[in-house]
Amino acid sequence: MMDVLGALRLDELSHGLANLPMFPYFDMAHYVVSVMALREQPGALEVSRVSPLACWFSSMLFCFGGAVLSGIMLAEPPVAPLTNSTSVLLASVVWYLVFYCPMDLVYCCAALLPLRLVLSGMKEVTRTWKVLGGVTQAHGKYKDSLLVMIAIGWAKGAGGGLISNFEQLVRGVWKPETNELLKMSYPTKITLIGAVLFALQQTHYLPLQKHHLMLLYTIFTVVNKSRMMLTGSSVSPFAAVESAVYKTLFAGYSPYAALTGEVQESCTDAGTTSRTSSSAKTKESSGNGAAGKRTPAPPVEGQSNSLKAKQESENAGTADCKKSN
């Protein structure tokens, strides 16, 4: 791999990328894209008018969520990222301009596709540094724990998405079905892959120099993010691999599938029979009720004549009794 990179004259580029400072330009791009993502959430603009403090706090979670989550996992103060006054001030200025700039100039300009492509690409560069920083930080405390390094690198690179449910609570929204662990978004997936790669490289299981891996990972994330934005596609490039792995490892044939199908069919038949009998009983009861309420049929002409004659004879007998008395 080193020979290939040397032949392509990318070794110097990888060293230059590894020594590239993130502050202030790349950090500012990260803040702009993060705050714009918050503004585009449903109901975020209403919250910004009703409670600017809640909106500001949500913006800080979007901007520093990874550092906050990784600090909690390492038993460090979660407010430690906010001690950098310069970064907090820069993020606060970006938040104010995105939400409250006159005539909405900042958001409208940043939302233009060419500029947004550049800002998103710069944000992907910061993702590499965040993942690598988390893995390195965990390696300094837990040298032999590959799982911890992956978890901390993942949390630091995609913490804003992993704590999205808490951030939604700040805005008065509760949507547990949007949990990133239930349905991962593309940034969460690509950050997890980066955390695995950098952790393997840190523990020398991956025979690759750190700056070379940084260059390859950054190029992949930037190019793929640009492709998704230009094509308007949200399909992950790993969709085919994910589907194959899922069908192979987690959706295999179960020996209880036939029994489960029989139980479901019997339950379905029983439910259908009960519904049929209940509907028949309902129809019968409604028919009886209608019959009970039905008016009696008028008597036949012969029956009416005999009844009249009987009544006349009874009246005549009553009159005779009165006369004899």
Protein backbone atom coordinates (compact mmCIF):
# COMPACT_ATOMS: atom_id res chain seq x y z
CA MET A 1 0.00 0.00 0.00
CA MET A 2 2.84 2.38 0.82
CA ASP A 3 4.47 1.66 -2.54
CA VAL A 4 1.20 2.38 -4.33
CA LEU A 5 0.73 5.67 -2.48
CA GLY A 6 4.34 6.59 -3.15
CA ALA A 7 3.94 5.85 -6.83
CA LEU A 8 0.86 8.06 -6.93
CA ARG A 9 2.77 10.78 -5.03
CA LEU A 10 0.12 10.80 -2.32
CA ASP A 11 2.52 10.35 0.58
CA GLU A 12 3.20 14.06 0.87
CA LEU A 13 -0.51 14.78 0.56
CA SER A 14 -1.29 12.39 3.38
CA HIS A 15 1.32 14.04 5.62
CA GLY A 16 -0.07 17.46 4.75
CA LEU A 17 -3.60 16.33 5.55
CA ALA A 18 -2.47 14.86 8.87
CA ASN A 19 -0.87 18.19 9.83
CA LEU A 20 -3.81 20.32 8.65
CA PRO A 21 -5.23 22.50 11.46
CA MET A 22 -8.99 22.25 11.96
CA PHE A 23 -9.49 25.62 13.66
CA PRO A 24 -10.98 27.95 12.59
CA TYR A 25 -12.12 27.17 9.04
CA PHE A 26 -12.95 23.47 9.23
CA ASP A 27 -14.52 23.84 12.66
CA MET A 28 -16.62 26.72 11.37
CA ALA A 29 -17.80 24.59 8.45
CA HIS A 30 -18.75 21.86 10.92
CA TYR A 31 -20.74 24.35 12.99
CA VAL A 32 -22.52 25.80 9.96
CA VAL A 33 -23.59 22.40 8.60
CA SER A 34 -24.64 21.18 12.05
CA VAL A 35 -26.74 24.25 12.86
CA MET A 36 -28.33 24.15 9.40
CA ALA A 37 -29.25 20.51 10.01
CA LEU A 38 -30.92 21.58 13.25
CA ARG A 39 -32.80 24.40 11.55
CA GLU A 40 -34.17 21.96 8.97
CA GLN A 41 -35.65 19.75 11.68
CA PRO A 42 -39.48 19.93 11.91
CA GLY A 43 -40.53 22.58 14.41
CA ALA A 44 -37.02 23.97 14.99
CA LEU A 45 -37.86 27.44 13.66
CA GLU A 46 -40.89 27.68 15.96
CA VAL A 47 -38.71 26.73 18.93
CA SER A 48 -36.16 29.39 17.97
CA ARG A 49 -38.88 32.05 18.18
CA VAL A 50 -40.51 30.72 21.34
CA SER A 51 -37.37 29.79 23.32
CA PRO A 52 -34.00 30.97 21.96
CA LEU A 53 -32.24 29.38 24.95
CA ALA A 54 -33.56 25.91 24.10
CA CYS A 55 -32.62 26.46 20.46
CA TRP A 56 -29.09 27.51 21.44
CA PHE A 57 -28.66 24.49 23.71
CA SER A 58 -29.83 22.17 20.92
CA SER A 59 -27.31 23.79 18.58
CA MET A 60 -24.49 23.20 21.06
CA LEU A 61 -25.52 19.53 21.29
CA PHE A 62 -25.39 19.31 17.50
CA CYS A 63 -21.95 20.93 17.42
CA PHE A 64 -20.33 19.29 20.48
CA GLY A 65 -22.47 16.18 20.93
CA GLY A 66 -19.64 13.81 20.10
CA ALA A 67 -17.28 15.31 22.69
CA VAL A 68 -20.04 15.33 25.31
CA LEU A 69 -20.99 11.68 24.74
CA SER A 70 -17.41 10.41 24.64
CA GLY A 71 -16.67 12.34 27.84
CA ILE A 72 -19.59 10.67 29.60
CA MET A 73 -18.42 7.24 28.43
CA LEU A 74 -14.89 7.92 29.72
CA ALA A 75 -16.21 9.20 33.08
CA GLU A 76 -15.11 12.74 32.29
CA PRO A 77 -17.16 15.90 32.93
CA PRO A 78 -19.70 16.24 30.10
CA VAL A 79 -19.32 20.03 30.21
CA ALA A 80 -15.60 19.81 29.44
CA PRO A 81 -16.10 20.58 25.71
CA LEU A 82 -17.81 23.83 26.68
CA THR A 83 -14.71 25.03 28.51
CA ASN A 84 -13.16 26.03 25.19
CA SER A 85 -14.60 29.53 25.13
CA THR A 86 -13.34 30.30 21.62
CA SER A 87 -15.08 27.31 20.06
CA VAL A 88 -18.29 27.93 21.99
CA LEU A 89 -18.28 31.59 20.97
CA LEU A 90 -17.71 30.69 17.31
CA ALA A 91 -20.50 28.11 17.39
CA SER A 92 -22.82 30.61 19.09
CA VAL A 93 -22.14 33.25 16.44
CA VAL A 94 -22.88 30.69 13.72
CA TRP A 95 -26.10 29.69 15.52
CA TYR A 96 -27.28 33.30 15.72
CA LEU A 97 -26.51 34.07 12.08
CA VAL A 98 -28.21 30.90 10.79
CA PHE A 99 -31.39 31.47 12.80
CA TYR A 100 -31.67 35.23 13.24
CA CYS A 101 -29.71 36.92 10.45
CA PRO A 102 -31.69 39.78 8.83
CA MET A 103 -33.43 38.69 5.64
CA ASP A 104 -32.13 35.15 6.32
CA LEU A 105 -29.04 35.90 4.25
CA VAL A 106 -26.62 33.49 5.92
CA TYR A 107 -28.88 30.45 5.66
CA CYS A 108 -29.91 31.24 2.07
CA CYS A 109 -26.29 31.61 0.99
CA ALA A 110 -25.09 28.51 2.83
CA ALA A 111 -27.98 26.50 1.38
CA LEU A 112 -26.77 27.08 -2.18
CA LEU A 113 -25.58 23.76 -3.57
CA PRO A 114 -21.99 24.74 -4.53
CA LEU A 115 -21.29 26.32 -1.15
CA ARG A 116 -23.06 23.56 0.73
CA LEU A 117 -20.96 20.97 -1.10
CA VAL A 118 -17.79 22.69 0.09
CA LEU A 119 -19.04 23.02 3.67
CA SER A 120 -20.17 19.40 3.79
CA GLY A 121 -16.83 18.21 2.44
CA MET A 122 -15.00 20.22 5.11
CA LYS A 123 -17.27 18.72 7.76
CA GLU A 124 -16.35 15.22 6.57
CA VAL A 125 -12.69 16.15 7.03
CA THR A 126 -13.39 17.04 10.66
CA ARG A 127 -15.14 13.67 11.07
CA THR A 128 -11.83 11.93 10.38
CA TRP A 129 -10.12 13.94 13.11
CA LYS A 130 -12.91 13.34 15.60
CA VAL A 131 -12.93 9.57 15.06
CA LEU A 132 -9.15 9.37 15.24
CA GLY A 133 -9.11 11.58 18.34
CA GLY A 134 -11.64 9.35 20.10
CA VAL A 135 -9.74 6.16 19.25
CA THR A 136 -6.44 7.69 20.36
CA GLN A 137 -7.99 8.97 23.61
CA ALA A 138 -9.42 5.54 24.42
CA HIS A 139 -6.13 3.85 23.48
CA GLY A 140 -4.31 6.03 26.03
CA LYS A 141 -6.52 4.67 28.85
CA TYR A 142 -7.40 1.18 27.62
CA LYS A 143 -4.52 0.00 25.46
CA ASP A 144 -5.73 -3.55 24.90
CA SER A 145 -9.45 -2.96 24.61
CA LEU A 146 -10.41 -2.87 20.95
CA LEU A 147 -14.12 -2.60 21.73
CA VAL A 148 -13.67 0.47 23.93
CA MET A 149 -11.60 2.22 21.27
CA ILE A 150 -14.28 1.54 18.65
CA ALA A 151 -17.05 2.76 20.97
CA ILE A 152 -15.28 6.00 21.92
CA GLY A 153 -14.25 6.76 18.34
CA TRP A 154 -17.81 6.12 17.17
CA ALA A 155 -19.27 8.27 19.93
CA LYS A 156 -16.92 11.17 19.27
CA GLY A 157 -17.47 11.12 15.52
CA ALA A 158 -21.25 10.61 15.50
CA GLY A 159 -22.30 11.73 18.97
CA GLY A 160 -24.69 14.36 17.64
CA GLY A 161 -26.78 11.64 16.01
CA LEU A 162 -26.46 9.13 18.85
CA ILE A 163 -27.87 11.60 21.39
CA SER A 164 -30.53 12.92 19.03
CA ASN A 165 -33.34 11.72 21.31
CA PHE A 166 -32.01 13.83 24.19
CA GLU A 167 -31.59 16.80 21.88
CA GLN A 168 -35.20 16.40 20.74
CA LEU A 169 -36.35 16.47 24.36
CA VAL A 170 -34.71 19.88 24.72
CA ARG A 171 -37.01 21.09 21.94
CA GLY A 172 -40.05 19.39 23.48
CA VAL A 173 -40.13 16.51 20.97
CA TRP A 174 -40.20 12.82 21.87
CA LYS A 175 -39.70 10.40 18.99
CA PRO A 176 -38.11 7.18 20.27
CA GLU A 177 -38.54 5.55 16.88
CA THR A 178 -35.82 7.87 15.51
CA ASN A 179 -33.16 6.27 17.71
CA GLU A 180 -29.97 5.85 15.70
CA LEU A 181 -29.41 2.37 17.12
CA LEU A 182 -32.75 1.24 15.70
CA LYS A 183 -32.22 2.71 12.25
CA MET A 184 -28.76 4.06 11.57
CA SER A 185 -28.27 6.96 9.23
CA TYR A 186 -25.41 7.15 6.77
CA PRO A 187 -23.17 9.41 8.95
CA THR A 188 -23.53 7.01 11.88
CA LYS A 189 -22.65 4.01 9.71
CA ILE A 190 -19.63 5.61 8.07
CA THR A 191 -18.38 6.82 11.45
CA LEU A 192 -18.66 3.31 12.90
CA ILE A 193 -16.67 1.92 9.97
CA GLY A 194 -14.02 4.59 10.50
CA ALA A 195 -13.82 3.82 14.20
CA VAL A 196 -13.26 0.12 13.43
CA LEU A 197 -10.56 0.89 10.87
CA PHE A 198 -8.67 3.35 13.08
CA ALA A 199 -8.92 1.03 16.08
CA LEU A 200 -7.49 -1.84 14.05
CA GLN A 201 -4.69 0.40 12.83
CA GLN A 202 -4.00 1.64 16.37
CA THR A 203 -3.64 -1.93 17.64
CA HIS A 204 -1.49 -2.92 14.61
CA TYR A 205 -4.03 -5.37 13.23
CA LEU A 206 -4.25 -3.25 10.08
CA PRO A 207 -0.85 -2.91 8.36
CA LEU A 208 -1.26 0.69 7.28
CA GLN A 209 0.25 3.97 8.33
CA LYS A 210 -2.02 6.31 10.24
CA HIS A 211 -1.69 9.25 7.86
CA HIS A 212 -2.32 6.97 4.87
CA LEU A 213 -5.50 5.64 6.46
CA MET A 214 -6.58 9.21 7.25
CA LEU A 215 -6.16 10.18 3.61
CA LEU A 216 -8.03 7.16 2.23
CA TYR A 217 -10.88 7.46 4.71
CA THR A 218 -11.23 11.22 4.16
CA ILE A 219 -11.27 10.85 0.37
CA PHE A 220 -13.92 8.16 0.57
CA THR A 221 -16.20 10.12 2.91
CA VAL A 222 -15.88 13.39 0.99
CA VAL A 223 -16.42 11.81 -2.43
CA ASN A 224 -19.35 9.71 -1.30
CA LYS A 225 -21.01 12.63 0.51
CA SER A 226 -20.64 14.81 -2.58
CA ARG A 227 -22.11 12.05 -4.76
CA MET A 228 -25.12 11.68 -2.48
CA MET A 229 -25.75 15.43 -2.46
CA LEU A 230 -25.40 15.80 -6.22
CA THR A 231 -27.63 12.85 -7.04
CA GLY A 232 -30.10 13.50 -4.23
CA SER A 233 -29.78 9.89 -3.13
CA SER A 234 -29.92 8.77 0.49
CA VAL A 235 -29.05 5.13 -0.22
CA SER A 236 -26.00 3.93 1.65
CA PRO A 237 -23.17 2.55 -0.51
CA PHE A 238 -23.06 -0.41 1.86
CA ALA A 239 -26.73 -1.33 1.33
CA ALA A 240 -25.92 -4.44 -0.74
CA VAL A 241 -23.33 -5.67 1.78
CA GLU A 242 -25.67 -5.00 4.70
CA SER A 243 -28.48 -6.91 3.02
CA ALA A 244 -26.24 -9.88 2.24
CA VAL A 245 -24.84 -10.02 5.78
CA TYR A 246 -28.30 -9.74 7.31
CA LYS A 247 -29.78 -12.49 5.15
CA THR A 248 -26.78 -14.75 5.81
CA LEU A 249 -26.35 -14.29 9.56
CA PHE A 250 -29.59 -12.98 11.00
CA ALA A 251 -32.44 -14.13 8.74
CA GLY A 252 -31.64 -17.80 8.22
CA TYR A 253 -34.12 -20.67 8.22
CA SER A 254 -35.57 -21.47 11.64
CA PRO A 255 -36.74 -25.07 12.50
CA TYR A 256 -39.68 -23.50 14.31
CA ALA A 257 -40.89 -21.59 11.28
CA ALA A 258 -43.38 -24.31 10.23
CA LEU A 259 -44.78 -24.63 13.75
CA THR A 260 -45.08 -20.88 14.01
CA GLY A 261 -46.91 -20.79 10.68
CA GLU A 262 -49.35 -23.50 11.83
CA VAL A 263 -50.06 -21.65 15.05
CA GLN A 264 -50.64 -18.44 13.16
CA GLU A 265 -52.99 -20.20 10.71
CA SER A 266 -54.99 -21.81 13.54
CA CYS A 267 -55.23 -18.47 15.30
CA THR A 268 -56.38 -16.88 12.07
CA ASP A 269 -58.99 -19.60 11.47
CA ALA A 270 -60.24 -19.32 15.05
CA GLY A 271 -60.50 -15.58 14.74
CA THR A 272 -62.38 -15.90 11.47
CA THR A 273 -64.80 -18.48 12.95
CA SER A 274 -65.47 -16.36 16.02
CA ARG A 275 -66.09 -13.31 13.89
CA THR A 276 -68.49 -15.30 11.66
CA SER A 277 -70.46 -16.72 14.60
CA SER A 278 -70.65 -13.37 16.33
CA SER A 279 -71.93 -11.74 13.15
CA ALA A 280 -74.57 -14.50 12.76
CA LYS A 281 -75.69 -14.02 16.35
CA THR A 282 -75.91 -10.31 15.81
CA LYS A 283 -78.07 -10.78 12.73
CA GLU A 284 -80.35 -13.25 14.57
CA SER A 285 -80.83 -10.97 17.55
CA SER A 286 -81.55 -8.05 15.29
CA GLY A 287 -84.13 -10.16 13.43
CA ASN A 288 -85.82 -11.17 16.70
CA GLY A 289 -85.91 -7.59 17.86
CA ALA A 290 -87.49 -6.52 14.62
CA ALA A 291 -90.08 -9.30 14.89
CA GLY A 292 -90.90 -8.27 18.47
CA LYS A 293 -91.51 -4.73 17.42
CA ARG A 294 -93.62 -5.73 14.38
CA THR A 295 -97.33 -4.71 14.54
CA PRO A 296 -99.88 -7.56 14.58
CA ALA A 297 -101.51 -8.49 11.26
CA PRO A 298 -105.12 -7.35 10.73
CA PRO A 299 -107.76 -10.09 11.28
CA VAL A 300 -109.40 -11.93 8.37
CA GLU A 301 -112.89 -10.84 7.21
CA GLY A 302 -114.68 -14.04 8.51
CA GLN A 303 -113.00 -13.77 11.88
CA SER A 304 -114.07 -10.13 12.20
CA ASN A 305 -117.76 -11.02 11.43
CA SER A 306 -117.83 -13.80 14.06
CA LEU A 307 -116.29 -11.51 16.63
CA LYS A 308 -118.97 -8.88 15.94
CA ALA A 309 -121.78 -11.43 16.26
CA LYS A 310 -120.33 -12.70 19.54
CA GLN A 311 -120.13 -9.17 20.92
CA GLU A 312 -123.78 -8.46 19.87
CA SER A 313 -125.02 -11.64 21.58
CA GLU A 314 -123.17 -10.77 24.74
CA ASN A 315 -124.69 -7.26 24.69
CA ALA A 316 -128.19 -8.69 24.17
CA GLY A 317 -127.75 -11.08 27.10
CA THR A 318 -126.64 -8.27 29.30
CA ALA A 319 -129.73 -6.21 28.34
CA ASP A 320 -132.11 -9.15 29.17
CA CYS A 321 -130.48 -9.54 32.55
CA LYS A 322 -131.03 -5.85 33.30
CA LYS A 323 -134.72 -6.09 32.29
CA SER A 324 -135.39 -9.13 34.48
CA ASN A 325 -133.80 -7.38 37.40
